Amino acid sequence: MVGRAKPARAIYDSLLSQSHLGKCPFCGFGQASTLDHYLPKAKYPQFSVLPFNLVPSCKDCNTGKSTAIATTAEGQSLHPYFDHQNFIDDQWLYAKVRETKPATIYFFVKAPEQWDDISKERVKAHFNAFKLNSRYSVEAGNELVSLRDVLVNYCQLFGSEWVRKHLEIEANSSASQHSNSWKTAMLQALVASDWYCDGGFQ
């Protein structure tokens, strides 16, 4: 299917185009440029061209994920299209600010208390399988660099409380679009950090 001259290339491209805004649904920020076999084709060749088993993904998620098959329900990573809506609607991704110079962000999973135990473990498995803490931390670091100048200006013109207000607006806007994006978690962490809002970004 992959080769440009292959008869099924049109189907491949059609499946790839289904990703929302061209983004990888596994990590939420990479460009979807390939199709991932949710069930590895080496172990499930009968599903290798089944559309339901082909998920648009970025190269990092596709190549970085282990080909090992989960042996328990708790170890199964999330399927972007066929899992329960609560994995999308309920927030389970969070972050904290490390008081370094410059500030850094680390990410972690905290599933809602009302979830069943299997669902709680599955989001952890997904987070770990795609190495999301380290990858999100890199994205957050780049974002903090560009955010710094804006916050310095707010602080100089209006004081530190306006820094928090600006971050709250940004966090609420991001959460309304995607409750489990790295950016939502990062912005919420910045709002919650007195050290950061009082000038830790400088």
N, C-alpha and C. Protein backbone atom coordinates (compact mmCIF):
# COMPACT_ATOMS: atom_id res chain seq x y z
N MET A 1 0.81 -1.21 0.00
CA MET A 1 0.00 0.00 0.00
C MET A 1 0.85 1.27 0.00
N VAL A 2 2.07 1.19 0.52
CA VAL A 2 2.85 2.40 0.75
C VAL A 2 3.42 2.98 -0.54
N GLY A 3 3.91 2.15 -1.43
CA GLY A 3 4.55 2.63 -2.64
C GLY A 3 3.62 3.48 -3.48
N ARG A 4 4.15 4.56 -4.05
CA ARG A 4 3.33 5.48 -4.83
C ARG A 4 2.67 4.79 -6.03
N ALA A 5 3.32 3.78 -6.57
CA ALA A 5 2.79 3.10 -7.75
C ALA A 5 1.88 1.94 -7.39
N LYS A 6 1.74 1.65 -6.10
CA LYS A 6 0.92 0.52 -5.68
C LYS A 6 -0.57 0.81 -5.94
N PRO A 7 -1.34 -0.20 -6.33
CA PRO A 7 -2.76 0.01 -6.61
C PRO A 7 -3.56 0.53 -5.41
N ALA A 8 -3.12 0.16 -4.20
CA ALA A 8 -3.88 0.54 -3.00
C ALA A 8 -3.37 1.83 -2.37
N ARG A 9 -2.47 2.54 -3.06
CA ARG A 9 -1.92 3.78 -2.48
C ARG A 9 -3.03 4.80 -2.21
N ALA A 10 -4.03 4.85 -3.06
CA ALA A 10 -5.13 5.81 -2.87
C ALA A 10 -5.86 5.54 -1.55
N ILE A 11 -5.99 4.26 -1.20
CA ILE A 11 -6.64 3.89 0.07
C ILE A 11 -5.76 4.33 1.24
N TYR A 12 -4.46 4.10 1.11
CA TYR A 12 -3.49 4.52 2.14
C TYR A 12 -3.61 6.02 2.38
N ASP A 13 -3.60 6.80 1.30
CA ASP A 13 -3.68 8.26 1.44
C ASP A 13 -5.01 8.69 2.03
N SER A 14 -6.08 7.97 1.67
CA SER A 14 -7.39 8.31 2.22
C SER A 14 -7.44 8.07 3.72
N LEU A 15 -6.88 6.95 4.17
CA LEU A 15 -6.82 6.67 5.61
C LEU A 15 -5.96 7.69 6.33
N LEU A 16 -4.86 8.07 5.74
CA LEU A 16 -3.95 9.03 6.35
C LEU A 16 -4.62 10.40 6.51
N SER A 17 -5.47 10.74 5.55
CA SER A 17 -6.13 12.06 5.58
C SER A 17 -7.20 12.16 6.66
N GLN A 18 -7.54 11.04 7.30
CA GLN A 18 -8.59 11.04 8.32
C GLN A 18 -8.13 11.64 9.65
N SER A 19 -6.84 11.84 9.80
CA SER A 19 -6.34 12.40 11.07
C SER A 19 -6.82 13.84 11.22
N HIS A 20 -7.23 14.18 12.42
CA HIS A 20 -7.76 15.52 12.70
C HIS A 20 -6.65 16.57 12.58
N LEU A 21 -6.84 17.52 11.67
CA LEU A 21 -5.89 18.60 11.43
C LEU A 21 -4.49 18.08 11.07
N GLY A 22 -4.44 16.84 10.59
CA GLY A 22 -3.15 16.28 10.18
C GLY A 22 -2.26 15.88 11.34
N LYS A 23 -2.82 15.83 12.57
CA LYS A 23 -2.02 15.52 13.76
C LYS A 23 -2.13 14.04 14.13
N CYS A 24 -1.06 13.54 14.71
CA CYS A 24 -1.03 12.16 15.18
C CYS A 24 -1.95 12.01 16.39
N PRO A 25 -2.91 11.08 16.36
CA PRO A 25 -3.83 10.93 17.49
C PRO A 25 -3.22 10.23 18.71
N PHE A 26 -2.06 9.60 18.55
CA PHE A 26 -1.43 8.94 19.69
C PHE A 26 -0.75 9.94 20.63
N CYS A 27 -0.04 10.92 20.05
CA CYS A 27 0.66 11.90 20.88
C CYS A 27 -0.02 13.26 20.87
N GLY A 28 -0.75 13.57 19.80
CA GLY A 28 -1.50 14.82 19.73
C GLY A 28 -0.77 15.99 19.13
N PHE A 29 0.51 15.84 18.81
CA PHE A 29 1.22 16.99 18.25
C PHE A 29 2.05 16.68 17.01
N GLY A 30 2.48 15.44 16.83
CA GLY A 30 3.28 15.09 15.66
C GLY A 30 2.45 15.10 14.38
N GLN A 31 3.11 15.28 13.26
CA GLN A 31 2.43 15.26 11.98
C GLN A 31 2.15 13.82 11.57
N ALA A 32 0.89 13.53 11.26
CA ALA A 32 0.52 12.19 10.82
C ALA A 32 1.02 11.97 9.40
N SER A 33 2.05 11.18 9.27
CA SER A 33 2.68 10.99 7.96
C SER A 33 2.79 9.52 7.57
N THR A 34 2.30 8.64 8.42
CA THR A 34 2.37 7.20 8.16
C THR A 34 1.20 6.52 8.83
N LEU A 35 0.97 5.25 8.51
CA LEU A 35 -0.09 4.49 9.14
C LEU A 35 0.51 3.47 10.10
N ASP A 36 0.01 3.48 11.32
CA ASP A 36 0.48 2.54 12.34
C ASP A 36 -0.44 1.34 12.39
N HIS A 37 0.15 0.14 12.49
CA HIS A 37 -0.64 -1.06 12.72
C HIS A 37 -0.89 -1.16 14.22
N TYR A 38 -2.13 -0.89 14.62
CA TYR A 38 -2.45 -0.93 16.05
C TYR A 38 -2.13 -2.31 16.61
N LEU A 39 -2.55 -3.34 15.90
CA LEU A 39 -2.10 -4.71 16.19
C LEU A 39 -0.95 -5.00 15.23
N PRO A 40 0.27 -5.21 15.72
CA PRO A 40 1.44 -5.35 14.84
C PRO A 40 1.25 -6.39 13.75
N LYS A 41 1.63 -6.01 12.53
CA LYS A 41 1.43 -6.93 11.40
C LYS A 41 2.32 -8.17 11.50
N ALA A 42 3.43 -8.07 12.23
CA ALA A 42 4.30 -9.24 12.38
C ALA A 42 3.60 -10.36 13.15
N LYS A 43 2.69 -9.98 14.04
CA LYS A 43 1.99 -10.99 14.85
C LYS A 43 0.55 -11.21 14.41
N TYR A 44 0.01 -10.22 13.69
CA TYR A 44 -1.35 -10.34 13.19
C TYR A 44 -1.40 -9.98 11.71
N PRO A 45 -0.74 -10.78 10.86
CA PRO A 45 -0.70 -10.46 9.42
C PRO A 45 -2.07 -10.41 8.79
N GLN A 46 -3.03 -11.12 9.34
CA GLN A 46 -4.38 -11.14 8.77
C GLN A 46 -5.07 -9.78 8.88
N PHE A 47 -4.54 -8.91 9.78
CA PHE A 47 -5.12 -7.58 9.96
C PHE A 47 -4.25 -6.48 9.34
N SER A 48 -3.24 -6.86 8.58
CA SER A 48 -2.24 -5.88 8.11
C SER A 48 -2.82 -4.82 7.19
N VAL A 49 -3.89 -5.13 6.47
CA VAL A 49 -4.50 -4.13 5.59
C VAL A 49 -5.95 -3.83 5.98
N LEU A 50 -6.34 -4.26 7.17
CA LEU A 50 -7.68 -3.96 7.66
C LEU A 50 -7.74 -2.48 8.06
N PRO A 51 -8.61 -1.67 7.46
CA PRO A 51 -8.64 -0.23 7.76
C PRO A 51 -8.77 0.10 9.24
N PHE A 52 -9.56 -0.70 9.99
CA PHE A 52 -9.74 -0.43 11.42
C PHE A 52 -8.44 -0.61 12.20
N ASN A 53 -7.49 -1.33 11.64
CA ASN A 53 -6.22 -1.56 12.33
C ASN A 53 -5.13 -0.60 11.88
N LEU A 54 -5.45 0.29 10.96
CA LEU A 54 -4.48 1.24 10.43
C LEU A 54 -4.81 2.64 10.94
N VAL A 55 -3.92 3.18 11.77
CA VAL A 55 -4.17 4.47 12.41
C VAL A 55 -3.15 5.49 11.94
N PRO A 56 -3.57 6.65 11.42
CA PRO A 56 -2.62 7.70 11.06
C PRO A 56 -1.76 8.06 12.26
N SER A 57 -0.45 8.15 12.05
CA SER A 57 0.43 8.46 13.17
C SER A 57 1.67 9.19 12.68
N CYS A 58 2.38 9.78 13.61
CA CYS A 58 3.67 10.39 13.27
C CYS A 58 4.73 9.29 13.28
N LYS A 59 5.87 9.58 12.71
CA LYS A 59 6.92 8.57 12.64
C LYS A 59 7.44 8.19 14.02
N ASP A 60 7.52 9.16 14.93
CA ASP A 60 8.01 8.86 16.28
C ASP A 60 7.11 7.86 17.00
N CYS A 61 5.80 8.04 16.89
CA CYS A 61 4.88 7.12 17.55
C CYS A 61 4.89 5.76 16.86
N ASN A 62 5.00 5.77 15.55
CA ASN A 62 4.96 4.52 14.80
C ASN A 62 6.21 3.67 15.04
N THR A 63 7.36 4.31 15.02
CA THR A 63 8.61 3.56 15.16
C THR A 63 9.05 3.41 16.60
N GLY A 64 8.60 4.28 17.48
CA GLY A 64 9.06 4.23 18.87
C GLY A 64 8.27 3.29 19.74
N LYS A 65 7.07 2.94 19.29
CA LYS A 65 6.21 2.05 20.09
C LYS A 65 6.74 0.62 20.04
N SER A 66 6.68 -0.06 21.15
CA SER A 66 7.10 -1.46 21.19
C SER A 66 6.14 -2.33 20.38
N THR A 67 6.67 -3.36 19.76
CA THR A 67 5.82 -4.29 19.00
C THR A 67 5.26 -5.40 19.89
N ALA A 68 5.60 -5.34 21.18
CA ALA A 68 5.08 -6.34 22.11
C ALA A 68 3.57 -6.20 22.25
N ILE A 69 2.90 -7.31 22.41
CA ILE A 69 1.45 -7.32 22.58
C ILE A 69 1.12 -7.33 24.06
N ALA A 70 0.19 -6.48 24.45
CA ALA A 70 -0.24 -6.46 25.84
C ALA A 70 -0.87 -7.80 26.20
N THR A 71 -0.48 -8.33 27.33
CA THR A 71 -1.01 -9.62 27.78
C THR A 71 -2.15 -9.46 28.79
N THR A 72 -2.40 -8.22 29.19
CA THR A 72 -3.50 -7.94 30.11
C THR A 72 -4.26 -6.72 29.58
N ALA A 73 -5.49 -6.58 30.03
CA ALA A 73 -6.30 -5.43 29.62
C ALA A 73 -5.66 -4.13 30.09
N GLU A 74 -5.02 -4.17 31.25
CA GLU A 74 -4.41 -2.96 31.82
C GLU A 74 -3.24 -2.44 30.99
N GLY A 75 -2.59 -3.33 30.26
CA GLY A 75 -1.41 -2.94 29.51
C GLY A 75 -1.69 -2.47 28.09
N GLN A 76 -2.94 -2.47 27.69
CA GLN A 76 -3.30 -2.11 26.32
C GLN A 76 -3.32 -0.59 26.15
N SER A 77 -2.57 -0.08 25.15
CA SER A 77 -2.59 1.35 24.88
C SER A 77 -3.94 1.74 24.29
N LEU A 78 -4.20 3.04 24.23
CA LEU A 78 -5.50 3.52 23.78
C LEU A 78 -5.61 3.47 22.26
N HIS A 79 -6.78 3.12 21.78
CA HIS A 79 -7.07 3.21 20.35
C HIS A 79 -7.77 4.54 20.12
N PRO A 80 -7.25 5.38 19.24
CA PRO A 80 -7.81 6.72 19.07
C PRO A 80 -9.27 6.77 18.62
N TYR A 81 -9.74 5.70 17.99
CA TYR A 81 -11.07 5.75 17.40
C TYR A 81 -12.11 4.87 18.09
N PHE A 82 -11.69 3.81 18.76
CA PHE A 82 -12.65 2.84 19.24
C PHE A 82 -12.70 2.70 20.76
N ASP A 83 -11.97 3.51 21.48
CA ASP A 83 -12.05 3.44 22.93
C ASP A 83 -13.15 4.33 23.46
N HIS A 84 -13.43 4.20 24.74
CA HIS A 84 -14.52 4.94 25.35
C HIS A 84 -14.27 6.45 25.32
N GLN A 85 -15.37 7.21 25.23
CA GLN A 85 -15.28 8.66 25.12
C GLN A 85 -14.67 9.30 26.36
N ASN A 86 -14.75 8.61 27.50
CA ASN A 86 -14.20 9.20 28.72
C ASN A 86 -12.69 9.43 28.63
N PHE A 87 -11.99 8.67 27.77
CA PHE A 87 -10.56 8.89 27.60
C PHE A 87 -10.29 10.23 26.92
N ILE A 88 -11.29 10.75 26.22
CA ILE A 88 -11.17 12.05 25.55
C ILE A 88 -11.75 13.16 26.41
N ASP A 89 -12.91 12.92 26.99
CA ASP A 89 -13.62 13.97 27.72
C ASP A 89 -13.04 14.25 29.10
N ASP A 90 -12.60 13.21 29.80
CA ASP A 90 -12.08 13.38 31.16
C ASP A 90 -10.58 13.65 31.13
N GLN A 91 -10.15 14.59 31.94
CA GLN A 91 -8.71 14.90 31.96
C GLN A 91 -7.94 13.88 32.78
N TRP A 92 -6.86 13.38 32.19
CA TRP A 92 -5.98 12.45 32.89
C TRP A 92 -4.51 12.83 32.75
N LEU A 93 -4.21 13.81 31.87
CA LEU A 93 -2.84 14.27 31.68
C LEU A 93 -2.63 15.56 32.45
N TYR A 94 -1.58 15.59 33.27
CA TYR A 94 -1.27 16.77 34.07
C TYR A 94 0.23 17.06 34.00
N ALA A 95 0.61 18.20 34.54
CA ALA A 95 2.02 18.59 34.53
C ALA A 95 2.34 19.41 35.77
N LYS A 96 3.61 19.52 36.06
CA LYS A 96 4.10 20.38 37.13
C LYS A 96 5.30 21.18 36.65
N VAL A 97 5.49 22.31 37.30
CA VAL A 97 6.62 23.18 36.96
C VAL A 97 7.80 22.83 37.85
N ARG A 98 8.95 22.66 37.22
CA ARG A 98 10.19 22.52 37.98
C ARG A 98 10.83 23.91 38.07
N GLU A 99 11.19 24.28 39.29
CA GLU A 99 11.73 25.63 39.51
C GLU A 99 13.21 25.68 39.14
N THR A 100 13.46 25.58 37.84
CA THR A 100 14.81 25.65 37.28
C THR A 100 14.93 26.94 36.49
N LYS A 101 16.13 27.25 36.09
CA LYS A 101 16.36 28.44 35.25
C LYS A 101 17.00 28.01 33.94
N PRO A 102 16.26 28.02 32.82
CA PRO A 102 14.85 28.39 32.72
C PRO A 102 13.93 27.32 33.29
N ALA A 103 12.68 27.69 33.49
CA ALA A 103 11.70 26.75 34.03
C ALA A 103 11.54 25.55 33.10
N THR A 104 11.28 24.39 33.68
CA THR A 104 11.02 23.18 32.90
C THR A 104 9.72 22.54 33.39
N ILE A 105 9.16 21.70 32.54
CA ILE A 105 7.88 21.07 32.83
C ILE A 105 8.01 19.56 32.76
N TYR A 106 7.43 18.86 33.72
CA TYR A 106 7.34 17.42 33.57
C TYR A 106 5.88 17.00 33.63
N PHE A 107 5.56 15.92 32.95
CA PHE A 107 4.18 15.48 32.76
C PHE A 107 3.94 14.14 33.45
N PHE A 108 2.69 13.92 33.85
CA PHE A 108 2.35 12.68 34.52
C PHE A 108 0.86 12.37 34.32
N VAL A 109 0.50 11.15 34.62
CA VAL A 109 -0.88 10.69 34.48
C VAL A 109 -1.55 10.65 35.85
N LYS A 110 -2.76 11.19 35.89
CA LYS A 110 -3.58 11.12 37.10
C LYS A 110 -5.03 10.91 36.65
N ALA A 111 -5.43 9.66 36.57
CA ALA A 111 -6.77 9.33 36.07
C ALA A 111 -7.83 9.72 37.09
N PRO A 112 -9.04 10.07 36.63
CA PRO A 112 -10.14 10.42 37.55
C PRO A 112 -10.46 9.27 38.51
N GLU A 113 -10.81 9.61 39.73
CA GLU A 113 -11.09 8.61 40.75
C GLU A 113 -12.25 7.70 40.37
N GLN A 114 -13.23 8.22 39.62
CA GLN A 114 -14.42 7.42 39.30
C GLN A 114 -14.17 6.37 38.22
N TRP A 115 -13.01 6.43 37.57
CA TRP A 115 -12.71 5.43 36.54
C TRP A 115 -12.47 4.06 37.17
N ASP A 116 -12.70 3.02 36.39
CA ASP A 116 -12.37 1.68 36.85
C ASP A 116 -10.86 1.48 36.80
N ASP A 117 -10.37 0.48 37.50
CA ASP A 117 -8.93 0.27 37.63
C ASP A 117 -8.25 -0.02 36.30
N ILE A 118 -8.93 -0.74 35.41
CA ILE A 118 -8.33 -1.07 34.12
C ILE A 118 -8.11 0.20 33.29
N SER A 119 -9.09 1.08 33.27
CA SER A 119 -8.96 2.33 32.53
C SER A 119 -7.83 3.19 33.07
N LYS A 120 -7.69 3.22 34.39
CA LYS A 120 -6.61 4.00 35.02
C LYS A 120 -5.25 3.49 34.58
N GLU A 121 -5.11 2.17 34.53
CA GLU A 121 -3.83 1.59 34.14
C GLU A 121 -3.58 1.74 32.63
N ARG A 122 -4.63 1.74 31.84
CA ARG A 122 -4.45 1.85 30.39
C ARG A 122 -3.89 3.21 29.98
N VAL A 123 -4.34 4.29 30.62
CA VAL A 123 -3.78 5.59 30.25
C VAL A 123 -2.31 5.68 30.64
N LYS A 124 -1.94 5.02 31.73
CA LYS A 124 -0.53 4.97 32.11
C LYS A 124 0.27 4.18 31.08
N ALA A 125 -0.30 3.06 30.62
CA ALA A 125 0.37 2.24 29.62
C ALA A 125 0.57 3.01 28.33
N HIS A 126 -0.44 3.76 27.93
CA HIS A 126 -0.36 4.58 26.72
C HIS A 126 0.71 5.66 26.87
N PHE A 127 0.70 6.33 27.99
CA PHE A 127 1.66 7.40 28.28
C PHE A 127 3.09 6.88 28.22
N ASN A 128 3.30 5.69 28.77
CA ASN A 128 4.64 5.11 28.80
C ASN A 128 5.05 4.52 27.45
N ALA A 129 4.11 3.87 26.76
CA ALA A 129 4.42 3.21 25.49
C ALA A 129 4.93 4.19 24.45
N PHE A 130 4.38 5.40 24.46
CA PHE A 130 4.76 6.40 23.46
C PHE A 130 5.75 7.43 24.02
N LYS A 131 6.29 7.15 25.21
CA LYS A 131 7.34 7.99 25.82
C LYS A 131 6.91 9.47 25.86
N LEU A 132 5.69 9.68 26.32
CA LEU A 132 5.11 11.02 26.21
C LEU A 132 5.69 12.03 27.19
N ASN A 133 6.18 11.60 28.34
CA ASN A 133 6.75 12.58 29.26
C ASN A 133 7.93 13.31 28.62
N SER A 134 8.88 12.57 28.10
CA SER A 134 10.07 13.21 27.52
C SER A 134 9.72 13.99 26.27
N ARG A 135 8.82 13.48 25.45
CA ARG A 135 8.47 14.16 24.21
C ARG A 135 7.67 15.43 24.49
N TYR A 136 6.76 15.37 25.45
CA TYR A 136 5.99 16.56 25.81
C TYR A 136 6.88 17.61 26.47
N SER A 137 7.85 17.16 27.26
CA SER A 137 8.74 18.10 27.92
C SER A 137 9.54 18.93 26.91
N VAL A 138 9.93 18.29 25.82
CA VAL A 138 10.65 19.01 24.75
C VAL A 138 9.74 20.06 24.14
N GLU A 139 8.49 19.68 23.83
CA GLU A 139 7.54 20.63 23.25
C GLU A 139 7.27 21.79 24.20
N ALA A 140 7.13 21.48 25.48
CA ALA A 140 6.87 22.52 26.47
C ALA A 140 8.06 23.47 26.59
N GLY A 141 9.27 22.93 26.54
CA GLY A 141 10.45 23.77 26.62
C GLY A 141 10.50 24.79 25.49
N ASN A 142 10.17 24.34 24.29
CA ASN A 142 10.14 25.26 23.15
C ASN A 142 9.05 26.31 23.31
N GLU A 143 7.91 25.90 23.85
CA GLU A 143 6.80 26.84 24.04
C GLU A 143 7.13 27.88 25.10
N LEU A 144 7.81 27.47 26.15
CA LEU A 144 8.16 28.41 27.22
C LEU A 144 9.10 29.50 26.74
N VAL A 145 9.96 29.15 25.80
CA VAL A 145 10.89 30.15 25.25
C VAL A 145 10.11 31.26 24.55
N SER A 146 9.13 30.89 23.72
CA SER A 146 8.36 31.89 22.99
C SER A 146 7.37 32.63 23.90
N LEU A 147 6.93 31.97 24.97
CA LEU A 147 5.98 32.58 25.89
C LEU A 147 6.65 33.62 26.79
N ARG A 148 7.91 33.47 27.03
CA ARG A 148 8.62 34.31 27.99
C ARG A 148 8.48 35.80 27.70
N ASP A 149 8.71 36.21 26.46
CA ASP A 149 8.67 37.64 26.13
C ASP A 149 7.29 38.23 26.39
N VAL A 150 6.24 37.48 26.09
CA VAL A 150 4.89 37.95 26.34
C VAL A 150 4.66 38.18 27.83
N LEU A 151 5.10 37.22 28.64
CA LEU A 151 4.88 37.32 30.08
C LEU A 151 5.72 38.42 30.72
N VAL A 152 6.91 38.60 30.23
CA VAL A 152 7.76 39.70 30.74
C VAL A 152 7.06 41.04 30.50
N ASN A 153 6.48 41.20 29.32
CA ASN A 153 5.78 42.46 29.01
C ASN A 153 4.56 42.64 29.90
N TYR A 154 3.78 41.57 30.12
CA TYR A 154 2.62 41.66 31.00
C TYR A 154 3.05 42.04 32.41
N CYS A 155 4.12 41.44 32.87
CA CYS A 155 4.59 41.70 34.23
C CYS A 155 5.06 43.14 34.39
N GLN A 156 5.78 43.65 33.42
CA GLN A 156 6.30 45.01 33.49
C GLN A 156 5.19 46.05 33.38
N LEU A 157 4.19 45.76 32.54
CA LEU A 157 3.13 46.73 32.32
C LEU A 157 2.03 46.69 33.38
N PHE A 158 1.67 45.48 33.84
CA PHE A 158 0.49 45.35 34.70
C PHE A 158 0.74 44.65 36.03
N GLY A 159 1.91 44.04 36.20
CA GLY A 159 2.19 43.32 37.43
C GLY A 159 2.00 41.82 37.27
N SER A 160 2.46 41.09 38.26
CA SER A 160 2.48 39.62 38.16
C SER A 160 1.10 39.00 38.11
N GLU A 161 0.09 39.65 38.71
CA GLU A 161 -1.24 39.07 38.71
C GLU A 161 -1.80 38.96 37.30
N TRP A 162 -1.38 39.87 36.42
CA TRP A 162 -1.84 39.79 35.04
C TRP A 162 -1.18 38.64 34.29
N VAL A 163 -0.03 38.26 34.76
CA VAL A 163 0.62 37.08 34.17
C VAL A 163 -0.27 35.86 34.39
N ARG A 164 -0.76 35.70 35.62
CA ARG A 164 -1.63 34.57 35.93
C ARG A 164 -2.94 34.65 35.14
N LYS A 165 -3.51 35.85 35.03
CA LYS A 165 -4.76 36.00 34.29
C LYS A 165 -4.58 35.61 32.82
N HIS A 166 -3.46 36.04 32.23
CA HIS A 166 -3.19 35.69 30.84
C HIS A 166 -3.06 34.18 30.68
N LEU A 167 -2.34 33.54 31.59
CA LEU A 167 -2.15 32.10 31.53
C LEU A 167 -3.46 31.35 31.75
N GLU A 168 -4.33 31.87 32.62
CA GLU A 168 -5.62 31.24 32.86
C GLU A 168 -6.48 31.26 31.59
N ILE A 169 -6.47 32.38 30.89
CA ILE A 169 -7.23 32.49 29.64
C ILE A 169 -6.71 31.49 28.63
N GLU A 170 -5.38 31.41 28.51
CA GLU A 170 -4.77 30.48 27.57
C GLU A 170 -5.08 29.02 27.95
N ALA A 171 -5.02 28.72 29.24
CA ALA A 171 -5.28 27.35 29.70
C ALA A 171 -6.73 26.96 29.45
N ASN A 172 -7.67 27.84 29.73
CA ASN A 172 -9.08 27.54 29.51
C ASN A 172 -9.39 27.35 28.03
N SER A 173 -8.77 28.17 27.20
CA SER A 173 -8.96 28.05 25.76
C SER A 173 -8.43 26.71 25.25
N SER A 174 -7.26 26.32 25.72
CA SER A 174 -6.66 25.06 25.30
C SER A 174 -7.49 23.88 25.79
N ALA A 175 -7.96 23.94 27.03
CA ALA A 175 -8.75 22.85 27.60
C ALA A 175 -10.07 22.65 26.87
N SER A 176 -10.64 23.74 26.37
CA SER A 176 -11.92 23.64 25.64
C SER A 176 -11.75 22.90 24.32
N GLN A 177 -10.53 22.90 23.79
CA GLN A 177 -10.26 22.21 22.53
C GLN A 177 -9.80 20.77 22.76
N HIS A 178 -8.97 20.58 23.78
CA HIS A 178 -8.42 19.24 24.05
C HIS A 178 -7.98 19.16 25.50
N SER A 179 -8.74 18.42 26.30
CA SER A 179 -8.46 18.38 27.74
C SER A 179 -7.19 17.63 28.08
N ASN A 180 -6.69 16.79 27.16
CA ASN A 180 -5.49 16.01 27.45
C ASN A 180 -4.33 16.32 26.52
N SER A 181 -4.24 17.55 26.07
CA SER A 181 -3.09 17.95 25.27
C SER A 181 -1.96 18.37 26.19
N TRP A 182 -0.73 18.24 25.71
CA TRP A 182 0.42 18.66 26.51
C TRP A 182 0.34 20.15 26.82
N LYS A 183 -0.22 20.92 25.90
CA LYS A 183 -0.28 22.37 26.09
C LYS A 183 -1.27 22.74 27.20
N THR A 184 -2.41 22.05 27.23
CA THR A 184 -3.37 22.28 28.31
C THR A 184 -2.73 21.98 29.66
N ALA A 185 -2.09 20.83 29.77
CA ALA A 185 -1.45 20.44 31.03
C ALA A 185 -0.36 21.43 31.42
N MET A 186 0.44 21.86 30.46
CA MET A 186 1.51 22.81 30.74
C MET A 186 0.96 24.14 31.25
N LEU A 187 -0.05 24.69 30.56
CA LEU A 187 -0.61 25.98 30.95
C LEU A 187 -1.27 25.91 32.32
N GLN A 188 -1.96 24.82 32.61
CA GLN A 188 -2.57 24.66 33.94
C GLN A 188 -1.50 24.61 35.02
N ALA A 189 -0.38 23.95 34.71
CA ALA A 189 0.72 23.89 35.68
C ALA A 189 1.32 25.26 35.92
N LEU A 190 1.44 26.06 34.87
CA LEU A 190 1.98 27.41 35.02
C LEU A 190 1.06 28.26 35.88
N VAL A 191 -0.24 28.16 35.66
CA VAL A 191 -1.21 28.92 36.46
C VAL A 191 -1.11 28.54 37.93
N ALA A 192 -0.90 27.27 38.21
CA ALA A 192 -0.87 26.78 39.59
C ALA A 192 0.45 27.07 40.30
N SER A 193 1.44 27.54 39.57
CA SER A 193 2.76 27.78 40.16
C SER A 193 2.93 29.24 40.57
N ASP A 194 2.91 29.49 41.88
CA ASP A 194 3.14 30.86 42.37
C ASP A 194 4.54 31.34 41.98
N TRP A 195 5.50 30.43 42.05
CA TRP A 195 6.87 30.79 41.69
C TRP A 195 6.95 31.28 40.24
N TYR A 196 6.29 30.56 39.33
CA TYR A 196 6.36 30.95 37.93
C TYR A 196 5.62 32.27 37.67
N CYS A 197 4.42 32.38 38.20
CA CYS A 197 3.61 33.57 37.97
C CYS A 197 4.22 34.82 38.61
N ASP A 198 5.00 34.64 39.65
CA ASP A 198 5.63 35.78 40.33
C ASP A 198 7.00 36.14 39.74
N GLY A 199 7.32 35.58 38.58
CA GLY A 199 8.55 35.99 37.91
C GLY A 199 9.53 34.87 37.61
N GLY A 200 9.12 33.63 37.84
CA GLY A 200 10.01 32.50 37.57
C GLY A 200 10.35 32.36 36.12
N PHE A 201 9.57 32.98 35.23
CA PHE A 201 9.81 32.92 33.80
C PHE A 201 10.94 33.86 33.37
N GLN A 202 11.35 34.75 34.26
CA GLN A 202 12.36 35.75 33.87
C GLN A 202 13.78 35.22 34.06
